[in-house]
Amino acid sequence: MRETYHKELELISEALVDMANLVGSAMGRATSALLDADLRLAESVISTEEKVEAMQREMEEKTITVLARQQPVATDLRVVVTSLRMSADLERCGVLAQHVATVARRRHPDQAVPRDLRRTILEMGQLAQRLMAQAAEVIMTQDVEAALQLERDDDRMDELHRLIFQHLMDDRWHHGVETAVDVTLVGRYYERFADHAVSIAQRVVYLVTGEHAEDLMDNPPTPV
C-alpha cells in the first residue's frame, strides 16, 4: 500500500516537471514569434495553453484523489499541497507565454519590438526559459541550494525590466504609444513568468526543509 502511495507521489512530481518543460518551451517559442513576427509560431504557442490547462486539471484531480484516499500527514501532506500550488504557478506561466504570443499575433505582419530593444527582449525570453528549466531541475532533484540560487539568478530579470522602462522614459523614444504599451506588457509578462519560476523553487525549499526560502537566504544552512 505504501509503495503504491509513494509511486503516486512520484507521478505527481514527474507531471510537474513535464508541465515546467512545456511552459518553458512555450515561452521560448513565444519569444521567437515576437521577435520574428512569426504568426504560425505564435498560434502554436496560443494553442499550447489548452494542453497546459488540461495538465493542471489532471494534476488537481491526482492530488485530490491522493488526499482523499491516503489522508497524508506531515511531510507527505506538504508534498501533496505544495505540488498543487506549483501546478497553479505553472498554469499561470502557460498563460503568460500565451500573452507574449498574442502580442506577436496582434502586430503581425509588423514586429512589436523596436530594433533598439530586441536584444533586451531576447535576453528576457532566454532568461525566462532558463529559469523555468532550473525550476524543473529543482523539482526533480529537490536541491535546496539550487532552489535558492534560482532566486538570486532572477535578479537579472529585474535589471532587464528596469532597463525597458529606462528606454521608454528616454526623450529619444520615438516609436509611439502603441509600441510603448506592447513593450511594457511584454516586459511584465517575462518578469511575472520569472517570478513564478522563483515561487516554484521556494515551494521546493519549503517542501524539503519545512522552512521558508527567505529565512534560509538570511541564514543559509551549514554544510555537513
C-alpha atoms as a PDB file:
ATOM      1  CA  MET A   1       0.000   0.000   0.000  1.00  0.00           C
ATOM      2  CA  ARG A   2       2.771   2.453   0.931  1.00  0.00           C
ATOM      3  CA  GLU A   3       4.663   1.506  -2.226  1.00  0.00           C
ATOM      4  CA  THR A   4       1.648   2.453  -4.326  1.00  0.00           C
ATOM      5  CA  TYR A   5       1.285   5.688  -2.387  1.00  0.00           C
ATOM      6  CA  HIS A   6       4.871   6.749  -2.977  1.00  0.00           C
ATOM      7  CA  LYS A   7       4.546   5.838  -6.643  1.00  0.00           C
ATOM      8  CA  GLU A   8       1.588   8.203  -6.858  1.00  0.00           C
ATOM      9  CA  LEU A   9       3.710  10.970  -5.334  1.00  0.00           C
ATOM     10  CA  GLU A  10       6.476  10.274  -7.854  1.00  0.00           C
ATOM     11  CA  LEU A  11       3.974  10.514 -10.715  1.00  0.00           C
ATOM     12  CA  ILE A  12       2.802  13.878  -9.402  1.00  0.00           C
ATOM     13  CA  SER A  13       6.402  15.127  -9.340  1.00  0.00           C
ATOM     14  CA  GLU A  14       7.016  13.852 -12.872  1.00  0.00           C
ATOM     15  CA  ALA A  15       3.870  15.598 -14.095  1.00  0.00           C
ATOM     16  CA  LEU A  16       5.104  18.873 -12.598  1.00  0.00           C
ATOM     17  CA  VAL A  17       8.408  18.500 -14.431  1.00  0.00           C
ATOM     18  CA  ASP A  18       6.533  17.853 -17.682  1.00  0.00           C
ATOM     19  CA  MET A  19       4.466  20.998 -17.141  1.00  0.00           C
ATOM     20  CA  ALA A  20       7.573  23.051 -16.392  1.00  0.00           C
ATOM     21  CA  ASN A  21       9.275  21.831 -19.549  1.00  0.00           C
ATOM     22  CA  LEU A  22       6.173  22.561 -21.600  1.00  0.00           C
ATOM     23  CA  VAL A  23       5.688  26.127 -20.388  1.00  0.00           C
ATOM     24  CA  GLY A  24       9.410  26.831 -20.669  1.00  0.00           C
ATOM     25  CA  SER A  25       9.360  25.700 -24.278  1.00  0.00           C
ATOM     26  CA  ALA A  26       6.221  27.737 -24.899  1.00  0.00           C
ATOM     27  CA  MET A  27       7.897  30.903 -23.644  1.00  0.00           C
ATOM     28  CA  GLY A  28      10.930  30.241 -25.812  1.00  0.00           C
ATOM     29  CA  ARG A  29       8.742  29.844 -28.887  1.00  0.00           C
ATOM     30  CA  ALA A  30       6.676  32.884 -27.921  1.00  0.00           C
ATOM     31  CA  THR A  31       9.859  34.965 -27.798  1.00  0.00           C
ATOM     32  CA  SER A  32      10.855  33.781 -31.258  1.00  0.00           C
ATOM     33  CA  ALA A  33       7.380  34.542 -32.581  1.00  0.00           C
ATOM     34  CA  LEU A  34       7.550  38.017 -31.055  1.00  0.00           C
ATOM     35  CA  LEU A  35      10.969  38.920 -32.435  1.00  0.00           C
ATOM     36  CA  ASP A  36      10.497  37.295 -35.856  1.00  0.00           C
ATOM     37  CA  ALA A  37       6.849  38.278 -36.379  1.00  0.00           C
ATOM     38  CA  ASP A  38       6.143  34.579 -36.914  1.00  0.00           C
ATOM     39  CA  LEU A  39       2.369  34.163 -36.962  1.00  0.00           C
ATOM     40  CA  ARG A  40       2.371  30.370 -37.241  1.00  0.00           C
ATOM     41  CA  LEU A  41       4.661  30.031 -34.251  1.00  0.00           C
ATOM     42  CA  ALA A  42       2.554  32.483 -32.251  1.00  0.00           C
ATOM     43  CA  GLU A  43      -0.570  30.445 -33.000  1.00  0.00           C
ATOM     44  CA  SER A  44       1.153  27.245 -31.885  1.00  0.00           C
ATOM     45  CA  VAL A  45       2.035  28.812 -28.525  1.00  0.00           C
ATOM     46  CA  ILE A  46      -1.509  30.077 -28.038  1.00  0.00           C
ATOM     47  CA  SER A  47      -2.919  26.611 -28.715  1.00  0.00           C
ATOM     48  CA  THR A  48      -0.421  25.055 -26.274  1.00  0.00           C
ATOM     49  CA  GLU A  49      -2.174  26.770 -23.380  1.00  0.00           C
ATOM     50  CA  GLU A  50      -5.092  24.340 -23.736  1.00  0.00           C
ATOM     51  CA  LYS A  51      -2.705  21.455 -23.088  1.00  0.00           C
ATOM     52  CA  VAL A  52      -1.233  23.236 -20.068  1.00  0.00           C
ATOM     53  CA  GLU A  53      -4.707  23.812 -18.648  1.00  0.00           C
ATOM     54  CA  ALA A  54      -5.581  20.142 -19.187  1.00  0.00           C
ATOM     55  CA  MET A  55      -2.406  19.074 -17.384  1.00  0.00           C
ATOM     56  CA  GLN A  56      -3.201  21.382 -14.491  1.00  0.00           C
ATOM     57  CA  ARG A  57      -6.719  19.969 -14.167  1.00  0.00           C
ATOM     58  CA  GLU A  58      -5.333  16.440 -14.217  1.00  0.00           C
ATOM     59  CA  MET A  59      -2.823  17.427 -11.543  1.00  0.00           C
ATOM     60  CA  GLU A  60      -5.623  18.768  -9.352  1.00  0.00           C
ATOM     61  CA  GLU A  61      -7.558  15.520  -9.758  1.00  0.00           C
ATOM     62  CA  LYS A  62      -4.496  13.437  -8.848  1.00  0.00           C
ATOM     63  CA  THR A  63      -3.699  15.434  -5.736  1.00  0.00           C
ATOM     64  CA  ILE A  64      -7.310  15.487  -4.560  1.00  0.00           C
ATOM     65  CA  THR A  65      -7.503  11.726  -5.061  1.00  0.00           C
ATOM     66  CA  VAL A  66      -4.345  11.208  -3.020  1.00  0.00           C
ATOM     67  CA  LEU A  67      -5.673  13.479  -0.268  1.00  0.00           C
ATOM     68  CA  ALA A  68      -8.973  11.634  -0.143  1.00  0.00           C
ATOM     69  CA  ARG A  69      -7.650   8.090  -0.360  1.00  0.00           C
ATOM     70  CA  GLN A  70      -4.360   8.288   1.548  1.00  0.00           C
ATOM     71  CA  GLN A  71      -5.083  11.096   4.045  1.00  0.00           C
ATOM     72  CA  PRO A  72      -1.380  12.044   4.190  1.00  0.00           C
ATOM     73  CA  VAL A  73       0.125  13.742   7.227  1.00  0.00           C
ATOM     74  CA  ALA A  74       3.350  15.670   7.992  1.00  0.00           C
ATOM     75  CA  THR A  75       5.878  15.619   5.131  1.00  0.00           C
ATOM     76  CA  ASP A  76       3.653  13.711   2.746  1.00  0.00           C
ATOM     77  CA  LEU A  77       0.916  16.267   3.229  1.00  0.00           C
ATOM     78  CA  ARG A  78       3.401  19.010   2.363  1.00  0.00           C
ATOM     79  CA  VAL A  79       4.268  17.155  -0.843  1.00  0.00           C
ATOM     80  CA  VAL A  80       0.656  16.979  -1.988  1.00  0.00           C
ATOM     81  CA  VAL A  81      -0.364  20.516  -1.059  1.00  0.00           C
ATOM     82  CA  THR A  82       2.850  22.073  -2.395  1.00  0.00           C
ATOM     83  CA  SER A  83       2.509  20.168  -5.660  1.00  0.00           C
ATOM     84  CA  LEU A  84      -0.978  21.554  -6.111  1.00  0.00           C
ATOM     85  CA  ARG A  85       0.299  25.095  -5.619  1.00  0.00           C
ATOM     86  CA  MET A  86       3.191  24.550  -8.025  1.00  0.00           C
ATOM     87  CA  SER A  87       0.805  23.320 -10.705  1.00  0.00           C
ATOM     88  CA  ALA A  88      -1.106  26.592 -10.353  1.00  0.00           C
ATOM     89  CA  ASP A  89       2.157  28.538 -10.796  1.00  0.00           C
ATOM     90  CA  LEU A  90       2.933  26.535 -13.922  1.00  0.00           C
ATOM     91  CA  GLU A  91      -0.528  27.014 -15.391  1.00  0.00           C
ATOM     92  CA  ARG A  92      -0.107  30.759 -14.939  1.00  0.00           C
ATOM     93  CA  CYS A  93       3.235  30.586 -16.744  1.00  0.00           C
ATOM     94  CA  GLY A  94       1.468  28.984 -19.675  1.00  0.00           C
ATOM     95  CA  VAL A  95      -0.946  31.913 -19.751  1.00  0.00           C
ATOM     96  CA  LEU A  96       1.951  34.391 -19.707  1.00  0.00           C
ATOM     97  CA  ALA A  97       3.621  32.660 -22.662  1.00  0.00           C
ATOM     98  CA  GLN A  98       0.281  32.841 -24.438  1.00  0.00           C
ATOM     99  CA  HIS A  99       0.118  36.586 -23.729  1.00  0.00           C
ATOM    100  CA  VAL A 100       3.535  37.153 -25.330  1.00  0.00           C
ATOM    101  CA  ALA A 101       2.448  35.184 -28.390  1.00  0.00           C
ATOM    102  CA  THR A 102      -0.790  37.170 -28.554  1.00  0.00           C
ATOM    103  CA  VAL A 103       1.173  40.423 -28.792  1.00  0.00           C
ATOM    104  CA  ALA A 104       3.111  38.939 -31.715  1.00  0.00           C
ATOM    105  CA  ARG A 105      -0.114  37.861 -33.406  1.00  0.00           C
ATOM    106  CA  ARG A 106      -1.807  41.208 -32.859  1.00  0.00           C
ATOM    107  CA  ARG A 107       1.034  43.146 -34.517  1.00  0.00           C
ATOM    108  CA  HIS A 108       1.646  40.710 -37.378  1.00  0.00           C
ATOM    109  CA  PRO A 109       2.991  41.275 -40.023  1.00  0.00           C
ATOM    110  CA  ASP A 110       4.757  44.105 -38.179  1.00  0.00           C
ATOM    111  CA  GLN A 111       7.214  43.469 -35.368  1.00  0.00           C
ATOM    112  CA  ALA A 112       6.042  44.523 -31.943  1.00  0.00           C
ATOM    113  CA  VAL A 113       9.545  45.130 -30.576  1.00  0.00           C
ATOM    114  CA  PRO A 114      11.626  48.034 -31.953  1.00  0.00           C
ATOM    115  CA  ARG A 115      15.190  47.302 -33.033  1.00  0.00           C
ATOM    116  CA  ASP A 116      16.811  49.101 -30.086  1.00  0.00           C
ATOM    117  CA  LEU A 117      15.012  46.811 -27.598  1.00  0.00           C
ATOM    118  CA  ARG A 118      15.316  43.496 -29.417  1.00  0.00           C
ATOM    119  CA  ARG A 119      18.473  42.454 -27.555  1.00  0.00           C
ATOM    120  CA  THR A 120      16.877  43.191 -24.181  1.00  0.00           C
ATOM    121  CA  ILE A 121      13.694  41.292 -25.010  1.00  0.00           C
ATOM    122  CA  LEU A 122      15.691  38.372 -26.378  1.00  0.00           C
ATOM    123  CA  GLU A 123      17.679  38.150 -23.158  1.00  0.00           C
ATOM    124  CA  MET A 124      14.485  38.324 -21.096  1.00  0.00           C
ATOM    125  CA  GLY A 125      12.971  35.489 -23.096  1.00  0.00           C
ATOM    126  CA  GLN A 126      16.085  33.349 -22.841  1.00  0.00           C
ATOM    127  CA  LEU A 127      16.394  34.031 -19.125  1.00  0.00           C
ATOM    128  CA  ALA A 128      12.739  33.174 -18.505  1.00  0.00           C
ATOM    129  CA  GLN A 129      13.191  29.869 -20.298  1.00  0.00           C
ATOM    130  CA  ARG A 130      16.408  29.129 -18.403  1.00  0.00           C
ATOM    131  CA  LEU A 131      14.852  29.897 -15.022  1.00  0.00           C
ATOM    132  CA  MET A 132      11.998  27.529 -15.769  1.00  0.00           C
ATOM    133  CA  ALA A 133      14.467  24.810 -16.790  1.00  0.00           C
ATOM    134  CA  GLN A 134      16.204  25.354 -13.443  1.00  0.00           C
ATOM    135  CA  ALA A 135      12.844  25.106 -11.688  1.00  0.00           C
ATOM    136  CA  ALA A 136      12.157  21.788 -13.410  1.00  0.00           C
ATOM    137  CA  GLU A 137      15.553  20.530 -12.281  1.00  0.00           C
ATOM    138  CA  VAL A 138      14.870  21.646  -8.713  1.00  0.00           C
ATOM    139  CA  ILE A 139      11.554  19.772  -8.708  1.00  0.00           C
ATOM    140  CA  MET A 140      13.364  16.606  -9.807  1.00  0.00           C
ATOM    141  CA  THR A 141      16.373  16.849  -7.502  1.00  0.00           C
ATOM    142  CA  GLN A 142      14.831  18.732  -4.552  1.00  0.00           C
ATOM    143  CA  ASP A 143      18.184  20.501  -4.303  1.00  0.00           C
ATOM    144  CA  VAL A 144      17.710  23.307  -1.785  1.00  0.00           C
ATOM    145  CA  GLU A 145      20.879  25.206  -2.710  1.00  0.00           C
ATOM    146  CA  ALA A 146      19.939  25.142  -6.410  1.00  0.00           C
ATOM    147  CA  ALA A 147      16.490  26.415  -5.468  1.00  0.00           C
ATOM    148  CA  LEU A 148      17.969  29.306  -3.513  1.00  0.00           C
ATOM    149  CA  GLN A 149      20.345  30.093  -6.386  1.00  0.00           C
ATOM    150  CA  LEU A 150      17.405  30.393  -8.758  1.00  0.00           C
ATOM    151  CA  GLU A 151      16.080  33.269  -6.692  1.00  0.00           C
ATOM    152  CA  ARG A 152      19.454  35.008  -6.974  1.00  0.00           C
ATOM    153  CA  ASP A 153      19.510  34.452 -10.746  1.00  0.00           C
ATOM    154  CA  ASP A 154      16.139  36.186 -11.015  1.00  0.00           C
ATOM    155  CA  ASP A 155      17.832  39.483 -10.108  1.00  0.00           C
ATOM    156  CA  ARG A 156      18.964  39.801 -13.721  1.00  0.00           C
ATOM    157  CA  MET A 157      15.352  39.726 -14.899  1.00  0.00           C
ATOM    158  CA  ASP A 158      14.571  42.638 -12.598  1.00  0.00           C
ATOM    159  CA  GLU A 159      17.509  44.551 -14.075  1.00  0.00           C
ATOM    160  CA  LEU A 160      16.261  43.947 -17.615  1.00  0.00           C
ATOM    161  CA  HIS A 161      12.762  45.026 -16.665  1.00  0.00           C
ATOM    162  CA  ARG A 162      14.125  48.304 -15.304  1.00  0.00           C
ATOM    163  CA  LEU A 163      16.139  48.757 -18.498  1.00  0.00           C
ATOM    164  CA  ILE A 164      12.955  48.647 -20.560  1.00  0.00           C
ATOM    165  CA  PHE A 165      11.474  51.484 -18.538  1.00  0.00           C
ATOM    166  CA  GLN A 166      14.638  53.490 -18.973  1.00  0.00           C
ATOM    167  CA  HIS A 167      14.147  53.200 -22.743  1.00  0.00           C
ATOM    168  CA  LEU A 168      10.504  54.168 -22.513  1.00  0.00           C
ATOM    169  CA  MET A 169      11.240  57.242 -20.408  1.00  0.00           C
ATOM    170  CA  ASP A 170      14.092  58.405 -22.616  1.00  0.00           C
ATOM    171  CA  ASP A 171      13.421  61.601 -24.546  1.00  0.00           C
ATOM    172  CA  ARG A 172      14.710  59.832 -27.645  1.00  0.00           C
ATOM    173  CA  TRP A 173      11.841  57.316 -27.643  1.00  0.00           C
ATOM    174  CA  HIS A 174      10.104  57.762 -30.994  1.00  0.00           C
ATOM    175  CA  HIS A 175       8.200  54.515 -31.501  1.00  0.00           C
ATOM    176  CA  GLY A 176       4.823  55.791 -30.361  1.00  0.00           C
ATOM    177  CA  VAL A 177       2.352  54.958 -27.632  1.00  0.00           C
ATOM    178  CA  GLU A 178       1.134  51.673 -29.104  1.00  0.00           C
ATOM    179  CA  THR A 179       4.612  50.187 -29.202  1.00  0.00           C
ATOM    180  CA  ALA A 180       5.317  51.524 -25.721  1.00  0.00           C
ATOM    181  CA  VAL A 181       2.249  49.681 -24.427  1.00  0.00           C
ATOM    182  CA  ASP A 182       3.292  46.444 -26.165  1.00  0.00           C
ATOM    183  CA  VAL A 183       6.809  46.595 -24.783  1.00  0.00           C
ATOM    184  CA  THR A 184       5.568  47.422 -21.282  1.00  0.00           C
ATOM    185  CA  LEU A 185       3.187  44.467 -21.313  1.00  0.00           C
ATOM    186  CA  VAL A 186       5.748  42.040 -22.697  1.00  0.00           C
ATOM    187  CA  GLY A 187       8.320  43.089 -20.118  1.00  0.00           C
ATOM    188  CA  ARG A 188       5.779  42.499 -17.379  1.00  0.00           C
ATOM    189  CA  TYR A 189       4.907  39.057 -18.773  1.00  0.00           C
ATOM    190  CA  TYR A 190       8.544  37.971 -18.663  1.00  0.00           C
ATOM    191  CA  GLU A 191       9.018  39.348 -15.168  1.00  0.00           C
ATOM    192  CA  ARG A 192       5.937  37.539 -13.857  1.00  0.00           C
ATOM    193  CA  PHE A 193       6.996  34.308 -15.577  1.00  0.00           C
ATOM    194  CA  ALA A 194      10.342  34.500 -13.776  1.00  0.00           C
ATOM    195  CA  ASP A 195       8.559  35.276 -10.500  1.00  0.00           C
ATOM    196  CA  HIS A 196       6.538  32.079 -10.840  1.00  0.00           C
ATOM    197  CA  ALA A 197       9.719  30.077 -11.505  1.00  0.00           C
ATOM    198  CA  VAL A 198      11.155  31.513  -8.291  1.00  0.00           C
ATOM    199  CA  SER A 199       7.915  30.719  -6.454  1.00  0.00           C
ATOM    200  CA  ILE A 200       8.191  27.094  -7.564  1.00  0.00           C
ATOM    201  CA  ALA A 201      11.761  26.912  -6.271  1.00  0.00           C
ATOM    202  CA  GLN A 202      10.664  28.467  -2.969  1.00  0.00           C
ATOM    203  CA  ARG A 203       7.945  25.854  -2.624  1.00  0.00           C
ATOM    204  CA  VAL A 204      10.513  23.099  -3.131  1.00  0.00           C
ATOM    205  CA  VAL A 205      12.629  24.623  -0.357  1.00  0.00           C
ATOM    206  CA  TYR A 206       9.630  24.533   1.962  1.00  0.00           C
ATOM    207  CA  LEU A 207       8.784  21.016   0.873  1.00  0.00           C
ATOM    208  CA  VAL A 208      12.257  19.716   1.682  1.00  0.00           C
ATOM    209  CA  THR A 209      13.104  21.748   4.804  1.00  0.00           C
ATOM    210  CA  GLY A 210       9.799  22.871   6.251  1.00  0.00           C
ATOM    211  CA  GLU A 211      11.261  26.394   6.288  1.00  0.00           C
ATOM    212  CA  HIS A 212      10.594  29.379   4.052  1.00  0.00           C
ATOM    213  CA  ALA A 213      13.214  30.266   1.442  1.00  0.00           C
ATOM    214  CA  GLU A 214      13.662  33.845   2.644  1.00  0.00           C
ATOM    215  CA  ASP A 215      14.639  32.554   6.080  1.00  0.00           C
ATOM    216  CA  LEU A 216      17.285  30.283   4.605  1.00  0.00           C
ATOM    217  CA  MET A 217      18.562  33.097   2.367  1.00  0.00           C
ATOM    218  CA  ASP A 218      19.239  35.121   5.502  1.00  0.00           C
ATOM    219  CA  ASN A 219      20.616  32.135   7.416  1.00  0.00           C
ATOM    220  CA  PRO A 220      21.934  29.558   4.914  1.00  0.00           C
ATOM    221  CA  PRO A 221      22.262  26.003   6.215  1.00  0.00           C
ATOM    222  CA  THR A 222      25.731  24.984   7.373  1.00  0.00           C
ATOM    223  CA  PRO A 223      27.277  22.377   5.029  1.00  0.00           C
ATOM    224  CA  VAL A 224      27.724  18.974   6.658  1.00  0.00           C
END
